C-alpha atoms as a PDB file:
ATOM      1  CA  UNK A   1     -90.651  55.887 -16.017  1.00  0.00           C
ATOM      2  CA  UNK A   2     -92.449  55.873 -12.643  1.00  0.00           C
ATOM      3  CA  UNK A   3     -90.555  56.321  -9.389  1.00  0.00           C
ATOM      4  CA  UNK A   4     -90.628  53.497  -6.818  1.00  0.00           C
ATOM      5  CA  UNK A   5     -92.105  55.276  -3.800  1.00  0.00           C
ATOM      6  CA  UNK A   6     -91.413  52.310  -1.509  1.00  0.00           C
ATOM      7  CA  UNK A   7     -87.758  53.353  -1.491  1.00  0.00           C
ATOM      8  CA  UNK A   8     -88.327  57.042  -0.817  1.00  0.00           C
ATOM      9  CA  UNK A   9     -86.953  58.395   2.478  1.00  0.00           C
ATOM     10  CA  UNK A  10     -90.457  59.503   3.507  1.00  0.00           C
ATOM     11  CA  UNK A  11     -91.912  56.026   2.927  1.00  0.00           C
ATOM     12  CA  UNK A  12     -89.096  54.324   4.805  1.00  0.00           C
ATOM     13  CA  UNK A  13     -89.404  56.724   7.756  1.00  0.00           C
ATOM     14  CA  UNK A  14     -93.156  56.109   7.953  1.00  0.00           C
ATOM     15  CA  UNK A  15     -92.652  52.332   7.718  1.00  0.00           C
ATOM     16  CA  UNK A  16     -90.121  52.425  10.577  1.00  0.00           C
ATOM     17  CA  UNK A  17     -92.500  54.511  12.689  1.00  0.00           C
ATOM     18  CA  UNK A  18     -95.368  52.090  12.024  1.00  0.00           C
ATOM     19  CA  UNK A  19     -93.213  49.120  13.013  1.00  0.00           C
ATOM     20  CA  UNK A  20     -92.386  50.886  16.280  1.00  0.00           C
ATOM     21  CA  UNK A  21     -96.078  51.562  16.916  1.00  0.00           C
ATOM     22  CA  UNK A  22     -96.891  47.944  16.135  1.00  0.00           C
ATOM     23  CA  UNK A  23     -94.519  46.885  18.895  1.00  0.00           C
ATOM     24  CA  UNK A  24     -96.259  49.064  21.499  1.00  0.00           C
ATOM     25  CA  UNK A  25     -99.814  50.010  20.466  1.00  0.00           C
ATOM     26  CA  UNK A  26    -102.542  48.412  22.581  1.00  0.00           C
ATOM     27  CA  UNK A  27    -106.088  47.704  21.455  1.00  0.00           C
ATOM     28  CA  UNK A  28    -108.205  50.520  22.946  1.00  0.00           C
ATOM     29  CA  UNK A  29    -111.596  48.760  22.907  1.00  0.00           C
ATOM     30  CA  UNK A  30    -113.478  45.488  22.618  1.00  0.00           C
ATOM     31  CA  UNK A  31    -112.843  41.935  23.701  1.00  0.00           C
ATOM     32  CA  UNK A  32    -109.066  42.347  23.488  1.00  0.00           C
ATOM     33  CA  UNK A  33    -108.863  45.795  25.073  1.00  0.00           C
ATOM     34  CA  UNK A  34    -105.374  46.413  26.473  1.00  0.00           C
ATOM     35  CA  UNK A  35    -103.737  43.671  24.409  1.00  0.00           C
ATOM     36  CA  UNK A  36    -100.909  44.634  22.088  1.00  0.00           C
ATOM     37  CA  UNK A  37    -102.235  44.884  18.502  1.00  0.00           C
ATOM     38  CA  UNK A  38     -99.556  42.478  17.285  1.00  0.00           C
ATOM     39  CA  UNK A  39    -100.811  39.916  19.820  1.00  0.00           C
ATOM     40  CA  UNK A  40    -104.408  40.012  18.574  1.00  0.00           C
ATOM     41  CA  UNK A  41    -105.607  36.678  17.150  1.00  0.00           C
ATOM     42  CA  UNK A  42    -105.382  36.413  13.384  1.00  0.00           C
ATOM     43  CA  UNK A  43    -109.079  35.499  13.094  1.00  0.00           C
ATOM     44  CA  UNK A  44    -110.000  38.705  14.962  1.00  0.00           C
ATOM     45  CA  UNK A  45    -107.916  40.766  12.530  1.00  0.00           C
ATOM     46  CA  UNK A  46    -109.463  38.893   9.586  1.00  0.00           C
ATOM     47  CA  UNK A  47    -112.917  39.770  10.935  1.00  0.00           C
ATOM     48  CA  UNK A  48    -111.940  43.438  10.929  1.00  0.00           C
ATOM     49  CA  UNK A  49    -110.642  43.064   7.376  1.00  0.00           C
ATOM     50  CA  UNK A  50    -114.096  41.834   6.327  1.00  0.00           C
ATOM     51  CA  UNK A  51    -116.079  44.387   8.323  1.00  0.00           C
ATOM     52  CA  UNK A  52    -113.695  47.314   7.932  1.00  0.00           C
ATOM     53  CA  UNK A  53    -110.698  48.335   9.968  1.00  0.00           C
ATOM     54  CA  UNK A  54    -111.030  51.382  12.216  1.00  0.00           C
ATOM     55  CA  UNK A  55    -110.113  54.672  10.580  1.00  0.00           C
ATOM     56  CA  UNK A  56    -106.745  56.284  11.111  1.00  0.00           C
ATOM     57  CA  UNK A  57    -103.624  55.022  12.813  1.00  0.00           C
ATOM     58  CA  UNK A  58    -105.241  52.108  14.662  1.00  0.00           C
ATOM     59  CA  UNK A  59    -106.693  50.644  11.468  1.00  0.00           C
ATOM     60  CA  UNK A  60    -103.403  51.061   9.624  1.00  0.00           C
ATOM     61  CA  UNK A  61    -101.479  49.310  12.421  1.00  0.00           C
ATOM     62  CA  UNK A  62    -104.074  46.511  12.589  1.00  0.00           C
ATOM     63  CA  UNK A  63    -103.710  45.963   8.835  1.00  0.00           C
ATOM     64  CA  UNK A  64     -99.937  45.809   9.236  1.00  0.00           C
ATOM     65  CA  UNK A  65    -100.293  43.277  12.065  1.00  0.00           C
ATOM     66  CA  UNK A  66    -102.518  41.103   9.883  1.00  0.00           C
ATOM     67  CA  UNK A  67    -100.066  41.204   6.972  1.00  0.00           C
ATOM     68  CA  UNK A  68     -97.206  40.184   9.247  1.00  0.00           C
ATOM     69  CA  UNK A  69     -99.257  37.325  10.730  1.00  0.00           C
ATOM     70  CA  UNK A  70    -100.422  36.062   7.328  1.00  0.00           C
ATOM     71  CA  UNK A  71     -96.818  35.982   6.127  1.00  0.00           C
ATOM     72  CA  UNK A  72     -95.420  34.508   9.345  1.00  0.00           C
ATOM     73  CA  UNK A  73     -93.310  37.590  10.041  1.00  0.00           C
ATOM     74  CA  UNK A  74     -94.626  38.748  13.431  1.00  0.00           C
ATOM     75  CA  UNK A  75     -91.384  37.478  14.967  1.00  0.00           C
ATOM     76  CA  UNK A  76     -89.623  40.459  13.381  1.00  0.00           C
ATOM     77  CA  UNK A  77     -91.248  42.744  15.955  1.00  0.00           C
ATOM     78  CA  UNK A  78     -89.643  42.665  19.398  1.00  0.00           C
ATOM     79  CA  UNK A  79     -91.836  41.446  22.247  1.00  0.00           C
END
């Protein structure tokens, strides 16, 4: 039987850290430079999904922002 990694302490700690970063990380370049990643327009994030998200932490946080927007959950992150 395979273990559900989404409930592991390591996964949960990383998810909490990413949610905290999502609340504070600003876009470091481009048209929306200085804007909080969570506040980026959905169509901008969808464009990155098509073209490829940046590597590393920024790309991971942008993907998380898009998932929250698509599912109408961005209100879970404090403003």
